Each structure stands twice: as structure tokens, then as C-alpha cells.
C-alpha atoms as a PDB file:
ATOM      1  CA  UNK A   1     -43.751 -32.136 -32.560  1.00  0.00           C
ATOM      2  CA  UNK A   2     -42.540 -28.875 -34.112  1.00  0.00           C
ATOM      3  CA  UNK A   3     -44.650 -26.905 -31.639  1.00  0.00           C
ATOM      4  CA  UNK A   4     -43.062 -28.856 -28.786  1.00  0.00           C
ATOM      5  CA  UNK A   5     -39.560 -28.120 -30.075  1.00  0.00           C
ATOM      6  CA  UNK A   6     -40.388 -24.416 -30.451  1.00  0.00           C
ATOM      7  CA  UNK A   7     -41.723 -24.311 -26.889  1.00  0.00           C
ATOM      8  CA  UNK A   8     -38.575 -26.000 -25.602  1.00  0.00           C
ATOM      9  CA  UNK A   9     -36.435 -23.430 -27.410  1.00  0.00           C
ATOM     10  CA  UNK A  10     -38.460 -20.559 -25.970  1.00  0.00           C
ATOM     11  CA  UNK A  11     -38.205 -21.958 -22.456  1.00  0.00           C
ATOM     12  CA  UNK A  12     -34.472 -22.501 -22.864  1.00  0.00           C
ATOM     13  CA  UNK A  13     -34.029 -18.932 -24.081  1.00  0.00           C
ATOM     14  CA  UNK A  14     -35.973 -17.614 -21.109  1.00  0.00           C
ATOM     15  CA  UNK A  15     -33.749 -19.594 -18.769  1.00  0.00           C
ATOM     16  CA  UNK A  16     -30.710 -17.887 -20.285  1.00  0.00           C
ATOM     17  CA  UNK A  17     -32.149 -14.395 -19.858  1.00  0.00           C
ATOM     18  CA  UNK A  18     -31.371 -13.549 -16.261  1.00  0.00           C
ATOM     19  CA  UNK A  19     -31.771  -9.859 -15.369  1.00  0.00           C
ATOM     20  CA  UNK A  20     -28.839  -8.379 -13.511  1.00  0.00           C
ATOM     21  CA  UNK A  21     -29.099  -7.677  -9.819  1.00  0.00           C
ATOM     22  CA  UNK A  22     -27.226  -4.697  -8.421  1.00  0.00           C
ATOM     23  CA  UNK A  23     -25.999  -4.747  -4.817  1.00  0.00           C
ATOM     24  CA  UNK A  24     -24.536  -1.597  -3.257  1.00  0.00           C
ATOM     25  CA  UNK A  25     -21.786  -1.532  -0.660  1.00  0.00           C
ATOM     26  CA  UNK A  26     -22.365   0.947   2.175  1.00  0.00           C
ATOM     27  CA  UNK A  27     -20.338   4.063   1.195  1.00  0.00           C
ATOM     28  CA  UNK A  28     -17.837   5.524   3.631  1.00  0.00           C
ATOM     29  CA  UNK A  29     -19.744   8.824   3.789  1.00  0.00           C
ATOM     30  CA  UNK A  30     -22.720   6.924   5.239  1.00  0.00           C
ATOM     31  CA  UNK A  31     -20.857   4.911   7.890  1.00  0.00           C
ATOM     32  CA  UNK A  32     -22.322   6.978  10.739  1.00  0.00           C
ATOM     33  CA  UNK A  33     -25.923   6.615   9.569  1.00  0.00           C
ATOM     34  CA  UNK A  34     -26.453   3.379   7.628  1.00  0.00           C
ATOM     35  CA  UNK A  35     -30.192   3.478   8.378  1.00  0.00           C
ATOM     36  CA  UNK A  36     -30.813   6.594   6.263  1.00  0.00           C
ATOM     37  CA  UNK A  37     -28.754   5.189   3.403  1.00  0.00           C
ATOM     38  CA  UNK A  38     -30.426   1.756   3.525  1.00  0.00           C
ATOM     39  CA  UNK A  39     -33.952   3.177   3.457  1.00  0.00           C
ATOM     40  CA  UNK A  40     -33.032   5.451   0.539  1.00  0.00           C
ATOM     41  CA  UNK A  41     -31.479   2.582  -1.428  1.00  0.00           C
ATOM     42  CA  UNK A  42     -34.520   0.368  -0.833  1.00  0.00           C
ATOM     43  CA  UNK A  43     -36.821   3.182  -1.919  1.00  0.00           C
ATOM     44  CA  UNK A  44     -34.804   3.674  -5.128  1.00  0.00           C
ATOM     45  CA  UNK A  45     -35.357   0.024  -6.015  1.00  0.00           C
ATOM     46  CA  UNK A  46     -31.871  -1.486  -5.791  1.00  0.00           C
ATOM     47  CA  UNK A  47     -31.729  -5.236  -5.210  1.00  0.00           C
ATOM     48  CA  UNK A  48     -29.340  -5.568  -2.281  1.00  0.00           C
ATOM     49  CA  UNK A  49     -27.098  -3.785   0.223  1.00  0.00           C
ATOM     50  CA  UNK A  50     -23.772  -4.858   1.691  1.00  0.00           C
ATOM     51  CA  UNK A  51     -21.719  -4.220   4.817  1.00  0.00           C
ATOM     52  CA  UNK A  52     -17.932  -4.678   4.696  1.00  0.00           C
ATOM     53  CA  UNK A  53     -15.672  -6.161   7.364  1.00  0.00           C
ATOM     54  CA  UNK A  54     -12.698  -3.990   8.322  1.00  0.00           C
ATOM     55  CA  UNK A  55     -11.370  -2.275  11.420  1.00  0.00           C
ATOM     56  CA  UNK A  56     -10.132   0.516   9.161  1.00  0.00           C
ATOM     57  CA  UNK A  57      -8.699   1.054   5.702  1.00  0.00           C
ATOM     58  CA  UNK A  58      -7.982   4.754   5.257  1.00  0.00           C
ATOM     59  CA  UNK A  59     -10.731   5.469   7.828  1.00  0.00           C
ATOM     60  CA  UNK A  60     -12.483   3.665  10.673  1.00  0.00           C
ATOM     61  CA  UNK A  61     -15.171   1.106   9.796  1.00  0.00           C
ATOM     62  CA  UNK A  62     -18.319   0.281  11.787  1.00  0.00           C
ATOM     63  CA  UNK A  63     -18.702  -3.329  12.942  1.00  0.00           C
ATOM     64  CA  UNK A  64     -19.980  -5.450  10.080  1.00  0.00           C
ATOM     65  CA  UNK A  65     -22.646  -7.380  12.003  1.00  0.00           C
ATOM     66  CA  UNK A  66     -23.916  -4.338  13.889  1.00  0.00           C
ATOM     67  CA  UNK A  67     -24.158  -2.402  10.629  1.00  0.00           C
ATOM     68  CA  UNK A  68     -26.039  -5.199   8.883  1.00  0.00           C
ATOM     69  CA  UNK A  69     -28.451  -5.412  11.823  1.00  0.00           C
ATOM     70  CA  UNK A  70     -29.035  -1.654  11.783  1.00  0.00           C
ATOM     71  CA  UNK A  71     -29.856  -1.738   8.076  1.00  0.00           C
ATOM     72  CA  UNK A  72     -32.083  -4.770   8.531  1.00  0.00           C
ATOM     73  CA  UNK A  73     -34.140  -2.995  11.197  1.00  0.00           C
ATOM     74  CA  UNK A  74     -35.228  -0.162   8.881  1.00  0.00           C
ATOM     75  CA  UNK A  75     -35.847  -2.130   5.669  1.00  0.00           C
ATOM     76  CA  UNK A  76     -38.393  -4.760   4.700  1.00  0.00           C
ATOM     77  CA  UNK A  77     -37.718  -6.017   1.176  1.00  0.00           C
ATOM     78  CA  UNK A  78     -34.133  -5.446   0.102  1.00  0.00           C
ATOM     79  CA  UNK A  79     -31.599  -8.293   0.453  1.00  0.00           C
ATOM     80  CA  UNK A  80     -28.754  -7.791   2.943  1.00  0.00           C
ATOM     81  CA  UNK A  81     -25.319  -9.356   2.846  1.00  0.00           C
ATOM     82  CA  UNK A  82     -21.820  -9.107   4.263  1.00  0.00           C
ATOM     83  CA  UNK A  83     -19.299  -8.310   1.559  1.00  0.00           C
ATOM     84  CA  UNK A  84     -17.240  -9.964   2.873  1.00  0.00           C
ATOM     85  CA  UNK A  85     -16.640 -11.062   6.440  1.00  0.00           C
ATOM     86  CA  UNK A  86     -12.923 -11.582   6.991  1.00  0.00           C
ATOM     87  CA  UNK A  87     -12.180 -15.209   7.803  1.00  0.00           C
ATOM     88  CA  UNK A  88      -8.884 -14.161   9.416  1.00  0.00           C
ATOM     89  CA  UNK A  89     -10.683 -11.884  11.901  1.00  0.00           C
ATOM     90  CA  UNK A  90     -13.171 -14.345  13.326  1.00  0.00           C
ATOM     91  CA  UNK A  91     -14.066 -17.974  13.913  1.00  0.00           C
ATOM     92  CA  UNK A  92     -16.403 -19.668  11.419  1.00  0.00           C
ATOM     93  CA  UNK A  93     -18.551 -20.529  14.452  1.00  0.00           C
ATOM     94  CA  UNK A  94     -18.965 -16.851  15.337  1.00  0.00           C
ATOM     95  CA  UNK A  95     -19.665 -16.030  11.699  1.00  0.00           C
ATOM     96  CA  UNK A  96     -22.327 -18.731  11.434  1.00  0.00           C
ATOM     97  CA  UNK A  97     -23.972 -17.636  14.686  1.00  0.00           C
ATOM     98  CA  UNK A  98     -24.178 -14.037  13.469  1.00  0.00           C
ATOM     99  CA  UNK A  99     -25.497 -15.140  10.070  1.00  0.00           C
ATOM    100  CA  UNK A 100     -28.278 -17.175  11.672  1.00  0.00           C
ATOM    101  CA  UNK A 101     -29.233 -14.252  13.909  1.00  0.00           C
ATOM    102  CA  UNK A 102     -29.280 -11.842  10.969  1.00  0.00           C
ATOM    103  CA  UNK A 103     -31.396 -14.245   8.933  1.00  0.00           C
ATOM    104  CA  UNK A 104     -33.975 -14.228  11.715  1.00  0.00           C
ATOM    105  CA  UNK A 105     -33.766 -10.471  12.331  1.00  0.00           C
ATOM    106  CA  UNK A 106     -34.210  -9.662   8.636  1.00  0.00           C
ATOM    107  CA  UNK A 107     -37.136 -11.996   8.098  1.00  0.00           C
ATOM    108  CA  UNK A 108     -35.135 -14.262   5.791  1.00  0.00           C
ATOM    109  CA  UNK A 109     -33.407 -11.561   3.709  1.00  0.00           C
ATOM    110  CA  UNK A 110     -29.795 -12.191   4.736  1.00  0.00           C
ATOM    111  CA  UNK A 111     -27.029 -13.784   2.638  1.00  0.00           C
ATOM    112  CA  UNK A 112     -23.854 -14.847   4.439  1.00  0.00           C
ATOM    113  CA  UNK A 113     -20.787 -13.562   2.603  1.00  0.00           C
ATOM    114  CA  UNK A 114     -17.454 -14.901   3.868  1.00  0.00           C
ATOM    115  CA  UNK A 115     -14.078 -14.004   2.346  1.00  0.00           C
ATOM    116  CA  UNK A 116     -10.523 -15.232   2.867  1.00  0.00           C
ATOM    117  CA  UNK A 117      -9.226 -11.888   4.196  1.00  0.00           C
ATOM    118  CA  UNK A 118      -6.725  -9.672   2.423  1.00  0.00           C
ATOM    119  CA  UNK A 119      -5.520  -6.425   4.078  1.00  0.00           C
ATOM    120  CA  UNK A 120      -2.110  -7.337   5.498  1.00  0.00           C
ATOM    121  CA  UNK A 121      -1.362  -4.006   7.212  1.00  0.00           C
ATOM    122  CA  UNK A 122      -4.698  -4.094   9.042  1.00  0.00           C
ATOM    123  CA  UNK A 123      -4.036  -7.602  10.320  1.00  0.00           C
ATOM    124  CA  UNK A 124      -0.512  -6.872  11.501  1.00  0.00           C
ATOM    125  CA  UNK A 125      -1.450  -3.601  13.201  1.00  0.00           C
ATOM    126  CA  UNK A 126      -4.181  -5.483  15.067  1.00  0.00           C
ATOM    127  CA  UNK A 127      -1.708  -8.042  16.389  1.00  0.00           C
ATOM    128  CA  UNK A 128      -2.867 -10.865  14.123  1.00  0.00           C
ATOM    129  CA  UNK A 129      -0.879 -13.050  11.767  1.00  0.00           C
ATOM    130  CA  UNK A 130      -1.285 -12.606   8.029  1.00  0.00           C
ATOM    131  CA  UNK A 131      -0.721 -16.071   6.526  1.00  0.00           C
ATOM    132  CA  UNK A 132       0.822 -16.785   3.153  1.00  0.00           C
ATOM    133  CA  UNK A 133      -1.675 -17.039   0.260  1.00  0.00           C
ATOM    134  CA  UNK A 134      -1.706 -20.842   0.249  1.00  0.00           C
ATOM    135  CA  UNK A 135      -2.546 -20.992   3.958  1.00  0.00           C
ATOM    136  CA  UNK A 136      -5.213 -18.280   3.629  1.00  0.00           C
ATOM    137  CA  UNK A 137      -7.002 -20.336   0.988  1.00  0.00           C
ATOM    138  CA  UNK A 138      -6.669 -23.545   3.015  1.00  0.00           C
ATOM    139  CA  UNK A 139      -8.128 -21.832   6.081  1.00  0.00           C
ATOM    140  CA  UNK A 140     -10.887 -20.325   3.973  1.00  0.00           C
ATOM    141  CA  UNK A 141     -11.906 -23.636   2.424  1.00  0.00           C
ATOM    142  CA  UNK A 142     -12.063 -25.316   5.831  1.00  0.00           C
ATOM    143  CA  UNK A 143     -14.068 -22.416   7.280  1.00  0.00           C
ATOM    144  CA  UNK A 144     -16.599 -22.616   4.447  1.00  0.00           C
ATOM    145  CA  UNK A 145     -17.107 -26.336   5.057  1.00  0.00           C
ATOM    146  CA  UNK A 146     -17.705 -25.677   8.744  1.00  0.00           C
ATOM    147  CA  UNK A 147     -19.998 -22.715   8.120  1.00  0.00           C
ATOM    148  CA  UNK A 148     -22.044 -24.592   5.550  1.00  0.00           C
ATOM    149  CA  UNK A 149     -22.898 -27.294   8.084  1.00  0.00           C
ATOM    150  CA  UNK A 150     -23.608 -24.834  10.894  1.00  0.00           C
ATOM    151  CA  UNK A 151     -26.002 -22.725   8.822  1.00  0.00           C
ATOM    152  CA  UNK A 152     -28.153 -25.766   8.072  1.00  0.00           C
ATOM    153  CA  UNK A 153     -28.183 -27.666  11.361  1.00  0.00           C
ATOM    154  CA  UNK A 154     -26.362 -25.558  13.937  1.00  0.00           C
ATOM    155  CA  UNK A 155     -23.933 -28.437  14.404  1.00  0.00           C
ATOM    156  CA  UNK A 156     -20.633 -29.517  12.886  1.00  0.00           C
ATOM    157  CA  UNK A 157     -17.916 -32.068  13.540  1.00  0.00           C
ATOM    158  CA  UNK A 158     -14.793 -31.254  11.572  1.00  0.00           C
ATOM    159  CA  UNK A 159     -11.063 -31.804  11.919  1.00  0.00           C
ATOM    160  CA  UNK A 160      -8.670 -30.223   9.443  1.00  0.00           C
ATOM    161  CA  UNK A 161      -5.264 -28.572   9.382  1.00  0.00           C
ATOM    162  CA  UNK A 162      -6.536 -25.293  10.823  1.00  0.00           C
ATOM    163  CA  UNK A 163      -9.800 -25.996  12.641  1.00  0.00           C
ATOM    164  CA  UNK A 164     -11.094 -28.663  14.970  1.00  0.00           C
ATOM    165  CA  UNK A 165     -14.831 -28.270  15.575  1.00  0.00           C
ATOM    166  CA  UNK A 166     -17.002 -30.559  17.687  1.00  0.00           C
ATOM    167  CA  UNK A 167     -20.474 -29.041  18.054  1.00  0.00           C
ATOM    168  CA  UNK A 168     -22.711 -32.072  18.490  1.00  0.00           C
ATOM    169  CA  UNK A 169     -25.133 -33.777  20.853  1.00  0.00           C
ATOM    170  CA  UNK A 170     -26.954 -31.198  22.957  1.00  0.00           C
ATOM    171  CA  UNK A 171     -24.740 -28.382  21.675  1.00  0.00           C
ATOM    172  CA  UNK A 172     -26.134 -26.376  18.791  1.00  0.00           C
ATOM    173  CA  UNK A 173     -26.028 -22.892  17.289  1.00  0.00           C
ATOM    174  CA  UNK A 174     -29.260 -21.040  16.700  1.00  0.00           C
ATOM    175  CA  UNK A 175     -31.690 -19.809  15.700  1.00  0.00           C
ATOM    176  CA  UNK A 176     -31.979 -22.494  13.009  1.00  0.00           C
ATOM    177  CA  UNK A 177     -34.193 -21.560  10.070  1.00  0.00           C
ATOM    178  CA  UNK A 178     -36.094 -23.690   7.581  1.00  0.00           C
ATOM    179  CA  UNK A 179     -34.540 -21.339   5.008  1.00  0.00           C
ATOM    180  CA  UNK A 180     -30.854 -21.023   5.983  1.00  0.00           C
ATOM    181  CA  UNK A 181     -29.028 -17.945   4.706  1.00  0.00           C
ATOM    182  CA  UNK A 182     -27.240 -18.663   1.409  1.00  0.00           C
ATOM    183  CA  UNK A 183     -23.467 -18.915   1.772  1.00  0.00           C
ATOM    184  CA  UNK A 184     -21.509 -16.669  -0.598  1.00  0.00           C
ATOM    185  CA  UNK A 185     -17.808 -16.984  -1.366  1.00  0.00           C
ATOM    186  CA  UNK A 186     -15.351 -14.537  -2.916  1.00  0.00           C
ATOM    187  CA  UNK A 187     -12.505 -15.734  -5.128  1.00  0.00           C
ATOM    188  CA  UNK A 188      -9.849 -14.426  -7.472  1.00  0.00           C
ATOM    189  CA  UNK A 189      -7.198 -16.988  -8.395  1.00  0.00           C
ATOM    190  CA  UNK A 190      -7.488 -20.442  -9.999  1.00  0.00           C
ATOM    191  CA  UNK A 191      -7.074 -22.439  -6.786  1.00  0.00           C
ATOM    192  CA  UNK A 192      -9.655 -20.397  -4.922  1.00  0.00           C
ATOM    193  CA  UNK A 193     -12.139 -20.764  -7.760  1.00  0.00           C
ATOM    194  CA  UNK A 194     -11.562 -24.508  -8.007  1.00  0.00           C
ATOM    195  CA  UNK A 195     -11.872 -25.278  -4.293  1.00  0.00           C
ATOM    196  CA  UNK A 196     -14.373 -22.665  -3.109  1.00  0.00           C
ATOM    197  CA  UNK A 197     -16.978 -22.678  -5.895  1.00  0.00           C
ATOM    198  CA  UNK A 198     -18.419 -26.149  -5.095  1.00  0.00           C
ATOM    199  CA  UNK A 199     -18.838 -25.236  -1.404  1.00  0.00           C
ATOM    200  CA  UNK A 200     -21.076 -22.172  -1.688  1.00  0.00           C
ATOM    201  CA  UNK A 201     -24.508 -21.128  -2.909  1.00  0.00           C
ATOM    202  CA  UNK A 202     -23.106 -18.187  -4.879  1.00  0.00           C
ATOM    203  CA  UNK A 203     -19.603 -17.212  -5.945  1.00  0.00           C
ATOM    204  CA  UNK A 204     -18.363 -13.659  -6.401  1.00  0.00           C
ATOM    205  CA  UNK A 205     -15.429 -13.070  -8.725  1.00  0.00           C
ATOM    206  CA  UNK A 206     -13.095 -10.454  -7.361  1.00  0.00           C
ATOM    207  CA  UNK A 207     -12.017  -8.626 -10.499  1.00  0.00           C
ATOM    208  CA  UNK A 208      -9.600  -6.594  -8.384  1.00  0.00           C
ATOM    209  CA  UNK A 209      -7.720  -9.580  -6.927  1.00  0.00           C
ATOM    210  CA  UNK A 210      -4.618  -8.896  -9.012  1.00  0.00           C
ATOM    211  CA  UNK A 211      -4.515  -5.373  -7.615  1.00  0.00           C
ATOM    212  CA  UNK A 212      -4.858  -6.366  -3.957  1.00  0.00           C
ATOM    213  CA  UNK A 213      -2.090  -8.923  -3.623  1.00  0.00           C
ATOM    214  CA  UNK A 214       0.017  -8.106  -0.600  1.00  0.00           C
ATOM    215  CA  UNK A 215      -2.902  -6.337   0.997  1.00  0.00           C
ATOM    216  CA  UNK A 216      -2.890  -2.963  -0.771  1.00  0.00           C
ATOM    217  CA  UNK A 217      -4.636  -1.382  -3.758  1.00  0.00           C
ATOM    218  CA  UNK A 218      -2.428  -1.336  -6.882  1.00  0.00           C
ATOM    219  CA  UNK A 219      -4.104   0.710  -9.648  1.00  0.00           C
ATOM    220  CA  UNK A 220      -1.603  -0.217 -12.417  1.00  0.00           C
ATOM    221  CA  UNK A 221      -2.200  -3.888 -11.611  1.00  0.00           C
ATOM    222  CA  UNK A 222      -5.962  -3.309 -11.747  1.00  0.00           C
ATOM    223  CA  UNK A 223      -5.557  -1.616 -15.111  1.00  0.00           C
ATOM    224  CA  UNK A 224      -3.857  -4.755 -16.434  1.00  0.00           C
ATOM    225  CA  UNK A 225      -6.997  -6.886 -15.886  1.00  0.00           C
ATOM    226  CA  UNK A 226      -8.516  -7.807 -19.250  1.00  0.00           C
ATOM    227  CA  UNK A 227     -11.916  -8.970 -20.412  1.00  0.00           C
ATOM    228  CA  UNK A 228     -10.336 -12.323 -21.225  1.00  0.00           C
ATOM    229  CA  UNK A 229      -9.165 -12.599 -17.597  1.00  0.00           C
ATOM    230  CA  UNK A 230     -12.736 -12.167 -16.361  1.00  0.00           C
ATOM    231  CA  UNK A 231     -14.174 -14.596 -18.885  1.00  0.00           C
ATOM    232  CA  UNK A 232     -11.538 -17.170 -17.939  1.00  0.00           C
ATOM    233  CA  UNK A 233     -12.463 -16.844 -14.252  1.00  0.00           C
ATOM    234  CA  UNK A 234     -16.121 -17.348 -15.126  1.00  0.00           C
ATOM    235  CA  UNK A 235     -15.326 -20.445 -17.163  1.00  0.00           C
ATOM    236  CA  UNK A 236     -13.310 -21.828 -14.262  1.00  0.00           C
ATOM    237  CA  UNK A 237     -16.278 -21.321 -11.935  1.00  0.00           C
ATOM    238  CA  UNK A 238     -18.592 -23.056 -14.404  1.00  0.00           C
ATOM    239  CA  UNK A 239     -16.180 -25.967 -14.638  1.00  0.00           C
ATOM    240  CA  UNK A 240     -15.893 -26.314 -10.861  1.00  0.00           C
ATOM    241  CA  UNK A 241     -19.577 -25.701 -10.057  1.00  0.00           C
ATOM    242  CA  UNK A 242     -21.779 -25.525 -13.171  1.00  0.00           C
ATOM    243  CA  UNK A 243     -24.992 -24.605 -11.321  1.00  0.00           C
ATOM    244  CA  UNK A 244     -23.561 -21.972  -8.980  1.00  0.00           C
ATOM    245  CA  UNK A 245     -24.687 -18.393  -9.784  1.00  0.00           C
ATOM    246  CA  UNK A 246     -21.879 -15.911 -10.391  1.00  0.00           C
ATOM    247  CA  UNK A 247     -21.453 -12.350  -9.139  1.00  0.00           C
ATOM    248  CA  UNK A 248     -18.673  -9.850  -9.706  1.00  0.00           C
ATOM    249  CA  UNK A 249     -17.209  -7.160  -7.439  1.00  0.00           C
ATOM    250  CA  UNK A 250     -16.442  -3.830  -9.108  1.00  0.00           C
ATOM    251  CA  UNK A 251     -15.187  -0.461  -7.923  1.00  0.00           C
ATOM    252  CA  UNK A 252     -16.848   2.496  -9.628  1.00  0.00           C
ATOM    253  CA  UNK A 253     -16.472   6.254  -9.971  1.00  0.00           C
ATOM    254  CA  UNK A 254     -19.384   7.789 -11.851  1.00  0.00           C
ATOM    255  CA  UNK A 255     -19.738  11.366 -13.082  1.00  0.00           C
ATOM    256  CA  UNK A 256     -17.757  13.993 -14.970  1.00  0.00           C
ATOM    257  CA  UNK A 257     -15.779  15.732 -12.236  1.00  0.00           C
ATOM    258  CA  UNK A 258     -12.041  16.336 -12.505  1.00  0.00           C
ATOM    259  CA  UNK A 259     -11.454  13.711  -9.819  1.00  0.00           C
ATOM    260  CA  UNK A 260     -13.374  11.057 -11.745  1.00  0.00           C
ATOM    261  CA  UNK A 261     -11.671  11.957 -15.015  1.00  0.00           C
ATOM    262  CA  UNK A 262      -8.313  11.587 -13.265  1.00  0.00           C
ATOM    263  CA  UNK A 263      -9.271   8.149 -11.939  1.00  0.00           C
ATOM    264  CA  UNK A 264     -10.466   7.056 -15.364  1.00  0.00           C
ATOM    265  CA  UNK A 265      -7.169   8.237 -16.844  1.00  0.00           C
ATOM    266  CA  UNK A 266      -5.299   5.946 -14.434  1.00  0.00           C
ATOM    267  CA  UNK A 267      -7.254   2.967 -15.784  1.00  0.00           C
ATOM    268  CA  UNK A 268      -6.904   4.076 -19.419  1.00  0.00           C
ATOM    269  CA  UNK A 269      -8.707   1.886 -21.934  1.00  0.00           C
ATOM    270  CA  UNK A 270      -8.558  -1.177 -19.697  1.00  0.00           C
ATOM    271  CA  UNK A 271     -11.489  -3.462 -18.939  1.00  0.00           C
ATOM    272  CA  UNK A 272     -11.956  -2.028 -15.439  1.00  0.00           C
ATOM    273  CA  UNK A 273     -11.690   1.482 -16.873  1.00  0.00           C
ATOM    274  CA  UNK A 274     -15.157   0.959 -18.361  1.00  0.00           C
ATOM    275  CA  UNK A 275     -16.653   1.366 -14.908  1.00  0.00           C
ATOM    276  CA  UNK A 276     -15.387   4.900 -14.390  1.00  0.00           C
ATOM    277  CA  UNK A 277     -16.817   7.966 -16.125  1.00  0.00           C
ATOM    278  CA  UNK A 278     -20.155   9.224 -17.429  1.00  0.00           C
ATOM    279  CA  UNK A 279     -23.239   7.487 -15.959  1.00  0.00           C
ATOM    280  CA  UNK A 280     -24.522   6.382 -19.357  1.00  0.00           C
ATOM    281  CA  UNK A 281     -21.253   4.740 -20.406  1.00  0.00           C
ATOM    282  CA  UNK A 282     -20.733   3.080 -17.016  1.00  0.00           C
ATOM    283  CA  UNK A 283     -24.342   1.852 -16.978  1.00  0.00           C
ATOM    284  CA  UNK A 284     -23.982   0.344 -20.444  1.00  0.00           C
ATOM    285  CA  UNK A 285     -20.723  -1.362 -19.444  1.00  0.00           C
ATOM    286  CA  UNK A 286     -22.372  -2.850 -16.361  1.00  0.00           C
ATOM    287  CA  UNK A 287     -25.418  -4.085 -18.254  1.00  0.00           C
ATOM    288  CA  UNK A 288     -23.156  -5.770 -20.820  1.00  0.00           C
ATOM    289  CA  UNK A 289     -21.828  -8.099 -18.115  1.00  0.00           C
ATOM    290  CA  UNK A 290     -25.010 -10.166 -18.318  1.00  0.00           C
ATOM    291  CA  UNK A 291     -23.553 -11.557 -21.555  1.00  0.00           C
ATOM    292  CA  UNK A 292     -20.632 -12.934 -19.526  1.00  0.00           C
ATOM    293  CA  UNK A 293     -22.843 -15.276 -17.506  1.00  0.00           C
ATOM    294  CA  UNK A 294     -22.979 -12.945 -14.503  1.00  0.00           C
ATOM    295  CA  UNK A 295     -26.307 -12.262 -12.793  1.00  0.00           C
ATOM    296  CA  UNK A 296     -25.263  -9.947  -9.940  1.00  0.00           C
ATOM    297  CA  UNK A 297     -22.859  -7.030  -9.586  1.00  0.00           C
ATOM    298  CA  UNK A 298     -21.616  -5.641  -6.285  1.00  0.00           C
ATOM    299  CA  UNK A 299     -20.765  -1.953  -6.639  1.00  0.00           C
ATOM    300  CA  UNK A 300     -18.322  -0.150  -4.357  1.00  0.00           C
ATOM    301  CA  UNK A 301     -17.785   3.598  -4.694  1.00  0.00           C
ATOM    302  CA  UNK A 302     -14.329   5.007  -5.325  1.00  0.00           C
ATOM    303  CA  UNK A 303     -15.858   8.501  -5.399  1.00  0.00           C
ATOM    304  CA  UNK A 304     -18.853   9.666  -3.322  1.00  0.00           C
ATOM    305  CA  UNK A 305     -22.161   9.954  -5.144  1.00  0.00           C
ATOM    306  CA  UNK A 306     -21.393   7.300  -7.760  1.00  0.00           C
ATOM    307  CA  UNK A 307     -24.265   5.059  -6.681  1.00  0.00           C
ATOM    308  CA  UNK A 308     -26.805   7.887  -6.847  1.00  0.00           C
ATOM    309  CA  UNK A 309     -25.476   8.920 -10.262  1.00  0.00           C
ATOM    310  CA  UNK A 310     -26.112   5.399 -11.574  1.00  0.00           C
ATOM    311  CA  UNK A 311     -29.604   4.978 -10.113  1.00  0.00           C
ATOM    312  CA  UNK A 312     -31.499   6.686 -12.981  1.00  0.00           C
ATOM    313  CA  UNK A 313     -29.537   4.640 -15.531  1.00  0.00           C
ATOM    314  CA  UNK A 314     -29.740   1.189 -13.932  1.00  0.00           C
ATOM    315  CA  UNK A 315     -32.888   1.306 -11.823  1.00  0.00           C
ATOM    316  CA  UNK A 316     -34.975   3.976 -13.574  1.00  0.00           C
END
């Protein structure tokens, strides 16, 4: 009896110990040659690579699906994902079709990341409407419901406030896989967490959401994010979807240059300031997030070379 209890405790402890996965977002300096970057990242031993969905931010972006396909073609083991496709740019039907194609092209290594969309100036300059936050979330929730059905069966019948989909009978998306790509959502606020978390296979907490309201990057707002804020978001996810694995999106600048020291000074002693500075201190701060109930971290460079600087610390 005692032996059985001890075994149960050991098994339970093992279940709690989930090693962190690190996914890298394609850096801007590698936009013209994602193949070279992807093969290098796979060789280093990172867990996953991401392509982002923009027309431009402060520079032109390559097409998200083309970029993911290019990286898929030169890798064989590393996981690929979109971080995140902009739901305001494209139909959930188009997104699902691309996700199914990428799942096939990658040999089952693709994860379908879909976000609500956030960069207002980009939308307006492109001639598209930028809805109010409440409508963006409503559209996003409906799109996730549609996408979830399409990824599994290639068909969906749905009528909501923003979408009316009738793909049935002989009509079907493809190629359908016996292992559909996991659907990943990105959330920041309480409503998004509550409504999105139960719909997806993985949820990514956007620690920077407070600093991107209105569609621009607000460093002082980012510096106001606390550890308690992050823990509260995680608890909200666990309440809404107890079994859903949790990721976090973080921007990093790693090294000891004057530029990096200046960025770190902007963040001060804040929670997000931990992810800027010397590789050893940033690596330790990242590893500590496993204690939060997070099992994956998506890293986006604020300064070039940050990912390479972290590789010896995190990957070995």
C-alpha cells in the first residue's frame, strides 16, 4: 500500500515536471533567406520556429504562408507555426486551407496559430477596417470555431454575427490529415482568455498586450506589466480550460551592448525587464517561467543576435 502511494506520488511529480520548449520567431534580418536561418536553428536544437503575419511594421514582411513553406522545405524535425496569422487579414477558410497544406508539406510538423489582429495603422493603410476591441474578439472567437471544424473534417456549417459558412455535402477543404494541425490561440485580456481558451489546443499569453493597445508598441505600458499580472492570466486560462497547455510570447534583447543596456533601462526593474540583458540572467529568467505553469516560450528579438546569444544558455 505504501509502495503504491509512493509510486503515485512519483508519477504525479513527473507529470508536473514539463521541460520548457523554446520557439523562435524569424528575425527581421533573416526575412530574405528564411531557409538558412531555419536550418541553423534546427541544427542548434531549438524546439520550434515561427513566421509572423504582417504586410509591414517598420519594414516589409514576407508572406506568412510562403515563409512557413520555405522553412518547412529545408527542415525535417523542428516544429513550425504561424505566430500569429491575422484574423482581420484573411478568411478562416483560407487560413484553414493553408494550415492543412502546411501540415502535409511539413510531414505533420505544423501548428496553426491564429490571432485576433492588432496593428491598426497597418490595417487602415491597407484599406481595411480596424474594428473596436469587442468586435475583434467576437470575430476571433467565431473564426476559431470555424477553423477548428475545418482542420478536422474540411467542412463547416456556421452562422454567427460576422461569418456565415456553409461548406458541406460534396464541398470540402483538403488535404485532410489523420493528425490535424493543432490550433493555437493568442490572448491578453480577461474576455479573450475566457472565450478563446476552451476552443484551442494551446493558448499563448501575450504578455505585451497592455503595450499594444491601439495598435502600437508602448514601452512604458510594457514596463508596467507585473509578475502578478502574468500569474493571474495563467490562472484565468486554467479556470477556462484546465487541460490546455500554456505558452507565453516575450520580446528579448540579449547581450551587453549599449543598445541593449538602453532597452533594459527603459524596462527598469519590471517583470518584462528580466528578459533583456546578459545571456545568463535572461536565460535564468526564462527557465524560471516553468514554475508559472508555462511549458513553451515564443521568443521575438528586439535586437539582432539575441537568439544566438541565448542558444548556449538554453540549448547547450
